[in-house]
């Protein structure tokens, strides 16, 4: 591997691989443990605290968006904090959030307040750790889209583990929190002990990019910048709305098969869809050099139509493969679009990463709230899934009508 000056540096290569491995591990665990109350875990939290279906969605939406916005503000107010510093701070906050969850017991108001505080801290941490996208774009400077897609493919692998973990570890918040608190502690220690030489090289590259950005117009003041970032809200929000309501939809509107209970079968269907998401991202790694980012996004958008037969057809022989195809729709859209945006805002990747993460949090939380309000009446759960997936059309229109110069 070469350092950012283009000189071969064997020691730097080893050091950089350590950073790459840590960031990928964080992406994996974030996929497994950072999902906002998915499937059986969500049902378990609702039962523990005696909450209606809409309440977790509302709480996650408000607290998540607030934490994300605060993260963006702090990123702008702390210009001396590097990408690696932001990433490390995000890991510390995620560990603190899960650590807090370990001590929540009962269902009183204090327990609900602790649940809310934990999600706020985690959302703030996620906005900081979103700098991983910029870190990977630099680590894979010869092909940023490959690096970012690999990062999100690893995250997708973690998402498949999430419903499995909920069934293996248990659907109580405490049992899940204890496992993830230990894992986040290990990852935090790993990040805090990155080789100083590699961190120095990365920070030097970032300072050069910032100097180039200051020499020109600030991206954050450009309406175009925010128009691009807004697209991440629709991409991520559409996925979140489907993932957060799909298990409840299956449990209430489909019969368990193969001798499985309705709840367990709902987790199986979720894993099927997330398998499509994972498969799509690894296929995108192969496609990226042939079709580029735009080709990947077009294929993903075409797969969105699978939601219609998936929701309307009662036969598992139809809706299971359709949900798999729907997972492909959510697979590589976000990382491919980020790679396009990073190429357009080359010298502003730090603020782009955080802004994209904040918009992602806004989309995830906003769409979860909307889907939860719609699905509060179990009869409307099919509409919650359809409307969530259909929201990808908003991104599709923007993607095709944005001037080519935006991201080229």
Protein backbone atom coordinates (compact mmCIF):
# COMPACT_ATOMS: atom_id res chain seq x y z
CA UNK A 1 0.00 0.00 0.00
CA UNK A 2 1.07 3.59 -0.59
CA UNK A 3 0.64 6.46 1.80
CA UNK A 4 -1.12 9.61 0.72
CA UNK A 5 2.06 11.06 -0.71
CA UNK A 6 2.28 8.15 -3.09
CA UNK A 7 5.40 6.67 -1.47
CA UNK A 8 5.54 3.00 -0.58
CA UNK A 9 5.50 2.50 3.18
CA UNK A 10 5.35 -1.11 4.44
CA UNK A 11 4.88 -0.04 8.05
CA UNK A 12 2.14 2.36 7.02
CA UNK A 13 0.44 -0.44 5.11
CA UNK A 14 0.28 -2.60 8.23
CA UNK A 15 -0.94 0.34 10.32
CA UNK A 16 -3.59 1.26 7.78
CA UNK A 17 -4.84 -2.32 7.70
CA UNK A 18 -5.41 -2.11 11.45
CA UNK A 19 -7.55 0.98 10.96
CA UNK A 20 -9.40 -0.66 8.08
CA UNK A 21 -10.11 -3.74 10.18
CA UNK A 22 -11.40 -1.70 13.12
CA UNK A 23 -13.70 0.43 10.97
CA UNK A 24 -15.11 -2.67 9.25
CA UNK A 25 -15.66 -4.32 12.64
CA UNK A 26 -17.51 -1.23 13.83
CA UNK A 27 -19.66 -1.25 10.69
CA UNK A 28 -20.52 -4.91 11.32
CA UNK A 29 -21.45 -4.40 14.98
CA UNK A 30 -23.35 -1.19 14.19
CA UNK A 31 -25.47 -3.19 11.77
CA UNK A 32 -26.19 -5.82 14.41
CA UNK A 33 -26.56 -3.59 17.46
CA UNK A 34 -27.43 -0.16 16.13
CA UNK A 35 -30.77 -1.02 14.53
CA UNK A 36 -33.56 0.95 16.25
CA UNK A 37 -35.78 -1.62 17.92
CA UNK A 38 -36.23 -4.12 15.10
CA UNK A 39 -38.62 -7.03 15.03
CA UNK A 40 -38.87 -9.22 18.11
CA UNK A 41 -36.69 -6.81 20.11
CA UNK A 42 -39.13 -4.00 19.39
CA UNK A 43 -42.08 -6.17 20.42
CA UNK A 44 -40.20 -7.11 23.59
CA UNK A 45 -39.50 -3.46 24.50
CA UNK A 46 -43.13 -2.54 23.88
CA UNK A 47 -44.26 -5.33 26.19
CA UNK A 48 -41.67 -4.48 28.89
CA UNK A 49 -42.61 -0.81 29.07
CA UNK A 50 -46.29 -1.18 28.20
CA UNK A 51 -45.98 1.09 25.17
CA UNK A 52 -48.30 1.29 22.15
CA UNK A 53 -46.84 0.49 18.73
CA UNK A 54 -46.42 4.17 17.75
CA UNK A 55 -44.55 5.25 20.90
CA UNK A 56 -41.12 3.66 20.18
CA UNK A 57 -41.20 5.10 16.67
CA UNK A 58 -42.01 8.58 18.00
CA UNK A 59 -39.33 8.45 20.69
CA UNK A 60 -36.68 7.13 18.33
CA UNK A 61 -37.58 9.79 15.75
CA UNK A 62 -37.38 12.82 18.03
CA UNK A 63 -34.34 11.75 20.05
CA UNK A 64 -32.45 10.38 17.05
CA UNK A 65 -32.93 13.52 14.98
CA UNK A 66 -32.00 15.76 17.92
CA UNK A 67 -28.82 13.78 18.55
CA UNK A 68 -27.90 13.87 14.86
CA UNK A 69 -28.39 17.64 14.54
CA UNK A 70 -26.34 18.24 17.67
CA UNK A 71 -23.60 16.06 16.18
CA UNK A 72 -23.51 18.16 13.01
CA UNK A 73 -23.36 21.40 15.04
CA UNK A 74 -20.52 20.10 17.19
CA UNK A 75 -18.63 18.96 14.10
CA UNK A 76 -18.75 22.49 12.74
CA UNK A 77 -17.91 24.04 16.12
CA UNK A 78 -14.94 21.74 16.71
CA UNK A 79 -12.93 22.13 13.49
CA UNK A 80 -9.75 20.87 15.16
CA UNK A 81 -11.34 17.47 15.80
CA UNK A 82 -10.24 15.20 12.96
CA UNK A 83 -12.22 12.43 11.28
CA UNK A 84 -10.40 9.86 13.36
CA UNK A 85 -11.19 11.89 16.50
CA UNK A 86 -14.89 12.09 15.59
CA UNK A 87 -14.99 8.37 14.89
CA UNK A 88 -13.39 7.53 18.23
CA UNK A 89 -15.77 9.86 20.08
CA UNK A 90 -18.68 8.09 18.40
CA UNK A 91 -17.48 4.72 19.67
CA UNK A 92 -17.16 6.00 23.23
CA UNK A 93 -20.72 7.36 23.16
CA UNK A 94 -22.12 4.13 21.73
CA UNK A 95 -20.43 2.16 24.52
CA UNK A 96 -21.90 4.54 27.13
CA UNK A 97 -25.39 4.12 25.64
CA UNK A 98 -25.31 0.33 25.82
CA UNK A 99 -23.71 0.53 29.25
CA UNK A 100 -26.68 2.60 30.42
CA UNK A 101 -29.11 0.07 28.94
CA UNK A 102 -27.52 -2.65 31.08
CA UNK A 103 -28.93 -1.04 34.22
CA UNK A 104 -32.49 -0.49 33.03
CA UNK A 105 -34.96 -2.66 34.90
CA UNK A 106 -38.70 -2.52 35.38
CA UNK A 107 -41.02 -0.27 33.40
CA UNK A 108 -41.36 2.90 35.47
CA UNK A 109 -40.90 6.44 34.22
CA UNK A 110 -37.27 6.49 35.29
CA UNK A 111 -36.64 3.41 33.15
CA UNK A 112 -38.32 5.06 30.14
CA UNK A 113 -36.21 8.19 30.74
CA UNK A 114 -33.05 6.06 30.81
CA UNK A 115 -34.17 4.34 27.58
CA UNK A 116 -34.62 7.75 25.95
CA UNK A 117 -31.26 9.04 27.24
CA UNK A 118 -29.51 5.98 25.89
CA UNK A 119 -30.98 6.41 22.42
CA UNK A 120 -30.06 10.12 22.39
CA UNK A 121 -26.45 9.32 23.35
CA UNK A 122 -26.29 6.57 20.76
CA UNK A 123 -27.67 8.86 18.03
CA UNK A 124 -25.08 11.50 18.86
CA UNK A 125 -22.40 8.81 18.70
CA UNK A 126 -23.71 7.54 15.36
CA UNK A 127 -23.50 11.02 13.86
CA UNK A 128 -19.82 11.18 14.88
CA UNK A 129 -18.97 7.66 13.75
CA UNK A 130 -20.47 8.53 10.36
CA UNK A 131 -17.01 9.95 9.66
CA UNK A 132 -16.15 6.33 8.80
CA UNK A 133 -17.46 6.99 5.28
CA UNK A 134 -14.89 9.75 4.76
CA UNK A 135 -12.16 7.64 6.38
CA UNK A 136 -12.87 4.79 3.99
CA UNK A 137 -13.06 7.10 0.99
CA UNK A 138 -9.51 8.18 1.87
CA UNK A 139 -8.26 4.67 2.63
CA UNK A 140 -9.60 3.58 -0.78
CA UNK A 141 -8.63 6.79 -2.56
CA UNK A 142 -7.91 4.83 -5.76
CA UNK A 143 -11.57 3.67 -5.84
CA UNK A 144 -13.73 5.38 -3.18
CA UNK A 145 -16.97 3.72 -4.32
CA UNK A 146 -15.44 0.27 -3.79
CA UNK A 147 -14.35 1.19 -0.29
CA UNK A 148 -17.66 2.74 0.74
CA UNK A 149 -19.69 -0.14 -0.73
CA UNK A 150 -17.45 -2.62 1.11
CA UNK A 151 -18.04 -0.69 4.33
CA UNK A 152 -21.81 -0.85 3.87
CA UNK A 153 -21.72 -4.48 2.77
CA UNK A 154 -20.07 -5.30 6.09
CA UNK A 155 -22.76 -3.27 7.84
CA UNK A 156 -25.43 -5.27 5.97
CA UNK A 157 -23.87 -8.51 7.20
CA UNK A 158 -24.31 -7.20 10.72
CA UNK A 159 -27.97 -6.37 10.05
CA UNK A 160 -28.64 -10.02 9.25
CA UNK A 161 -27.21 -10.92 12.64
CA UNK A 162 -29.51 -8.45 14.45
CA UNK A 163 -32.75 -10.49 14.39
CA UNK A 164 -30.79 -13.70 14.99
CA UNK A 165 -29.13 -12.14 18.04
CA UNK A 166 -32.52 -11.06 19.35
CA UNK A 167 -33.70 -14.67 19.22
CA UNK A 168 -30.47 -16.20 20.60
CA UNK A 169 -29.65 -13.66 23.32
CA UNK A 170 -33.28 -12.90 24.12
CA UNK A 171 -35.66 -10.09 23.28
CA UNK A 172 -35.15 -8.15 26.50
CA UNK A 173 -33.26 -4.88 26.26
CA UNK A 174 -30.93 -5.78 29.12
CA UNK A 175 -29.75 -9.09 27.70
CA UNK A 176 -28.91 -7.47 24.36
CA UNK A 177 -27.27 -4.45 25.97
CA UNK A 178 -24.84 -6.51 28.05
CA UNK A 179 -23.53 -8.30 24.96
CA UNK A 180 -23.14 -5.14 22.88
CA UNK A 181 -21.63 -3.10 25.72
CA UNK A 182 -18.72 -5.54 25.93
CA UNK A 183 -18.27 -5.55 22.15
CA UNK A 184 -18.30 -1.74 21.91
CA UNK A 185 -15.78 -1.51 24.73
CA UNK A 186 -13.37 -3.78 22.82
CA UNK A 187 -13.85 -1.75 19.61
CA UNK A 188 -13.34 1.53 21.45
CA UNK A 189 -10.05 0.31 22.91
CA UNK A 190 -8.97 -0.89 19.45
CA UNK A 191 -9.67 2.53 17.92
CA UNK A 192 -7.96 4.45 20.71
CA UNK A 193 -4.80 2.40 20.20
CA UNK A 194 -4.47 2.93 16.44
CA UNK A 195 -0.81 3.38 15.39
CA UNK A 196 0.08 7.05 15.66
CA UNK A 197 1.97 7.04 12.35
CA UNK A 198 -1.08 5.96 10.36
CA UNK A 199 -3.33 8.44 12.16
CA UNK A 200 -0.81 11.20 11.42
CA UNK A 201 -0.88 10.38 7.68
CA UNK A 202 -4.68 10.41 7.63
CA UNK A 203 -4.95 13.67 9.55
CA UNK A 204 -2.39 15.30 7.24
CA UNK A 205 -4.46 14.32 4.20
CA UNK A 206 -7.57 15.72 5.84
CA UNK A 207 -5.85 19.03 6.63
CA UNK A 208 -4.85 19.36 2.97
CA UNK A 209 -8.43 18.77 1.88
CA UNK A 210 -9.68 21.36 4.36
CA UNK A 211 -7.11 23.87 3.12
CA UNK A 212 -8.30 23.30 -0.45
CA UNK A 213 -11.92 23.72 0.69
CA UNK A 214 -11.14 27.03 2.44
CA UNK A 215 -9.50 28.29 -0.73
CA UNK A 216 -12.80 27.89 -2.58
CA UNK A 217 -16.48 28.23 -1.72
CA UNK A 218 -17.71 26.44 1.41
CA UNK A 219 -19.82 23.44 0.46
CA UNK A 220 -22.02 23.72 3.53
CA UNK A 221 -23.30 27.10 2.31
CA UNK A 222 -24.35 25.66 -1.02
CA UNK A 223 -28.04 24.72 -1.52
CA UNK A 224 -26.77 22.05 -3.88
CA UNK A 225 -24.83 20.42 -1.05
CA UNK A 226 -27.95 20.13 1.10
CA UNK A 227 -30.06 18.96 -1.83
CA UNK A 228 -27.60 16.11 -2.30
CA UNK A 229 -27.49 15.32 1.44
CA UNK A 230 -31.29 15.30 1.65
CA UNK A 231 -31.37 12.29 -0.66
CA UNK A 232 -29.76 10.17 2.06
CA UNK A 233 -32.85 10.76 4.22
CA UNK A 234 -35.12 9.18 1.63
CA UNK A 235 -32.74 6.29 0.89
CA UNK A 236 -32.18 5.32 4.51
CA UNK A 237 -35.66 6.28 5.68
CA UNK A 238 -37.36 4.05 3.16
CA UNK A 239 -35.32 1.07 4.33
CA UNK A 240 -35.90 1.87 8.01
CA UNK A 241 -39.65 2.17 7.56
CA UNK A 242 -39.80 -1.25 5.94
CA UNK A 243 -37.41 -2.99 8.36
CA UNK A 244 -39.09 -1.58 11.47
CA UNK A 245 -42.62 -2.65 10.43
CA UNK A 246 -42.00 -5.78 8.35
CA UNK A 247 -41.80 -8.24 11.29
CA UNK A 248 -45.02 -6.85 12.79
CA UNK A 249 -46.69 -7.04 9.37
CA UNK A 250 -45.68 -10.69 8.97
CA UNK A 251 -46.70 -11.57 12.52
CA UNK A 252 -50.16 -9.99 12.15
CA UNK A 253 -50.94 -10.75 8.48
CA UNK A 254 -49.15 -14.01 7.62
CA UNK A 255 -49.23 -17.51 9.07
CA UNK A 256 -46.06 -19.16 10.33
CA UNK A 257 -44.85 -22.06 8.17
CA UNK A 258 -42.52 -25.04 8.72
CA UNK A 259 -43.95 -25.36 12.22
CA UNK A 260 -42.65 -21.91 13.23
CA UNK A 261 -44.63 -19.52 15.40
CA UNK A 262 -45.74 -16.25 13.84
CA UNK A 263 -43.10 -14.29 15.79
CA UNK A 264 -40.22 -16.56 14.84
CA UNK A 265 -41.40 -16.67 11.22
CA UNK A 266 -41.45 -12.85 11.17
CA UNK A 267 -37.75 -12.89 12.02
CA UNK A 268 -37.11 -15.42 9.26
CA UNK A 269 -38.76 -13.14 6.69
CA UNK A 270 -36.71 -10.20 7.98
CA UNK A 271 -33.52 -12.23 7.58
CA UNK A 272 -34.58 -13.13 4.01
CA UNK A 273 -34.97 -9.46 3.13
CA UNK A 274 -31.71 -8.49 4.80
CA UNK A 275 -30.01 -11.34 2.92
CA UNK A 276 -31.09 -9.63 -0.28
CA UNK A 277 -29.60 -6.40 1.04
CA UNK A 278 -26.33 -8.14 1.84
CA UNK A 279 -26.19 -9.98 -1.50
CA UNK A 280 -26.89 -6.77 -3.40
CA UNK A 281 -23.98 -4.98 -1.78
CA UNK A 282 -21.47 -7.68 -2.56
CA UNK A 283 -22.76 -7.92 -6.14
CA UNK A 284 -22.37 -4.15 -6.35
CA UNK A 285 -18.69 -4.53 -5.45
CA UNK A 286 -18.27 -6.60 -8.62
CA UNK A 287 -20.53 -4.36 -10.71
CA UNK A 288 -18.96 -1.07 -9.64
CA UNK A 289 -16.03 -1.22 -12.03
CA UNK A 290 -18.27 -2.04 -14.99
CA UNK A 291 -21.37 0.04 -14.44
CA UNK A 292 -20.20 2.77 -12.08
CA UNK A 293 -22.29 4.30 -9.31
CA UNK A 294 -25.17 5.35 -11.54
CA UNK A 295 -25.66 1.88 -12.98
CA UNK A 296 -25.73 0.38 -9.49
CA UNK A 297 -28.35 2.88 -8.32
CA UNK A 298 -30.59 2.24 -11.35
CA UNK A 299 -30.58 -1.53 -10.75
CA UNK A 300 -31.44 -1.01 -7.07
CA UNK A 301 -34.30 1.33 -7.90
CA UNK A 302 -35.81 -1.21 -10.30
CA UNK A 303 -35.94 -3.77 -7.49
CA UNK A 304 -38.19 -1.51 -5.40
CA UNK A 305 -41.29 -2.62 -7.34
CA UNK A 306 -40.99 -6.05 -5.69
CA UNK A 307 -42.70 -4.60 -2.61
CA UNK A 308 -46.11 -4.74 -4.33
CA UNK A 309 -46.36 -8.54 -4.80
CA UNK A 310 -44.45 -9.04 -1.52
CA UNK A 311 -47.20 -7.30 0.45
CA UNK A 312 -50.26 -8.26 -1.59
CA UNK A 313 -49.60 -11.97 -2.17
CA UNK A 314 -50.33 -14.48 0.58
CA UNK A 315 -48.16 -17.36 -0.66
CA UNK A 316 -44.67 -17.71 0.90
CA UNK A 317 -43.47 -18.99 -2.50
CA UNK A 318 -44.16 -15.47 -3.80
CA UNK A 319 -43.62 -13.05 -0.93
CA UNK A 320 -40.36 -14.59 0.36
CA UNK A 321 -38.40 -14.12 -2.93
CA UNK A 322 -40.07 -10.73 -3.41
CA UNK A 323 -38.85 -9.54 -0.02
CA UNK A 324 -35.38 -10.81 -0.97
CA UNK A 325 -35.51 -8.66 -4.13
CA UNK A 326 -36.76 -5.71 -2.07
CA UNK A 327 -33.67 -6.11 0.09
CA UNK A 328 -31.56 -5.63 -3.05
CA UNK A 329 -33.34 -2.31 -3.61
CA UNK A 330 -31.90 -1.05 -0.32
CA UNK A 331 -28.49 -2.62 -0.78
CA UNK A 332 -26.02 -0.33 -2.54
CA UNK A 333 -28.05 2.82 -3.19
CA UNK A 334 -26.70 4.72 -0.18
CA UNK A 335 -22.97 3.89 -0.61
CA UNK A 336 -23.07 4.37 -4.39
CA UNK A 337 -24.71 7.77 -4.03
CA UNK A 338 -22.24 8.73 -1.30
CA UNK A 339 -19.36 7.85 -3.61
CA UNK A 340 -20.86 10.16 -6.26
CA UNK A 341 -21.29 12.95 -3.74
CA UNK A 342 -17.77 12.47 -2.34
CA UNK A 343 -16.40 12.90 -5.85
CA UNK A 344 -18.31 16.17 -6.21
CA UNK A 345 -17.33 17.49 -2.75
CA UNK A 346 -13.82 16.02 -2.66
CA UNK A 347 -12.44 18.54 -0.19
CA UNK A 348 -15.44 18.51 2.13
CA UNK A 349 -15.75 14.80 2.86
CA UNK A 350 -15.78 15.23 6.64
CA UNK A 351 -18.76 17.57 6.71
CA UNK A 352 -20.37 15.55 3.89
CA UNK A 353 -20.04 12.37 5.98
CA UNK A 354 -21.56 13.96 9.07
CA UNK A 355 -24.27 15.81 7.11
CA UNK A 356 -25.17 12.62 5.21
CA UNK A 357 -25.27 10.73 8.52
CA UNK A 358 -27.51 13.38 10.10
CA UNK A 359 -29.86 13.30 7.10
CA UNK A 360 -29.78 9.51 7.32
CA UNK A 361 -30.74 9.68 11.00
CA UNK A 362 -33.49 12.15 10.13
CA UNK A 363 -34.80 9.84 7.43
CA UNK A 364 -34.54 6.72 9.57
CA UNK A 365 -36.25 8.30 12.55
CA UNK A 366 -38.82 10.24 10.55
CA UNK A 367 -39.84 7.26 8.44
CA UNK A 368 -39.94 5.00 11.49
CA UNK A 369 -42.29 7.47 13.14
CA UNK A 370 -44.49 7.67 10.05
CA UNK A 371 -44.55 3.90 9.60
CA UNK A 372 -45.29 3.44 13.31
CA UNK A 373 -48.19 5.89 13.22
CA UNK A 374 -49.64 4.20 10.14
CA UNK A 375 -49.09 0.72 11.56
CA UNK A 376 -50.47 1.57 14.99
CA UNK A 377 -53.66 0.05 13.62
CA UNK A 378 -52.60 -3.52 12.71
CA UNK A 379 -54.94 -3.45 9.72
CA UNK A 380 -52.81 -0.67 8.21
CA UNK A 381 -49.46 -2.48 8.50
CA UNK A 382 -49.48 -3.45 4.78
CA UNK A 383 -49.77 0.27 3.94
CA UNK A 384 -46.90 1.07 6.29
CA UNK A 385 -44.63 -1.29 4.34
CA UNK A 386 -45.87 -0.12 0.92
CA UNK A 387 -45.58 3.58 1.68
CA UNK A 388 -42.12 3.19 3.23
CA UNK A 389 -40.73 1.34 0.20
CA UNK A 390 -42.57 3.62 -2.21
CA UNK A 391 -40.75 6.62 -0.76
CA UNK A 392 -37.70 5.56 -2.76
CA UNK A 393 -39.47 7.11 -5.76
CA UNK A 394 -38.78 10.55 -4.27
CA UNK A 395 -35.07 9.82 -4.37
CA UNK A 396 -35.43 8.32 -7.87
CA UNK A 397 -36.97 11.53 -9.24
CA UNK A 398 -34.27 13.67 -7.63
CA UNK A 399 -31.51 11.34 -8.83
CA UNK A 400 -32.59 11.43 -12.46
CA UNK A 401 -33.31 15.17 -12.57
CA UNK A 402 -30.29 16.50 -10.69
CA UNK A 403 -27.82 18.08 -13.14
CA UNK A 404 -25.02 15.66 -14.03
CA UNK A 405 -22.45 18.17 -12.82
CA UNK A 406 -23.74 17.72 -9.25
CA UNK A 407 -21.95 14.46 -8.67
CA UNK A 408 -19.73 13.92 -11.74
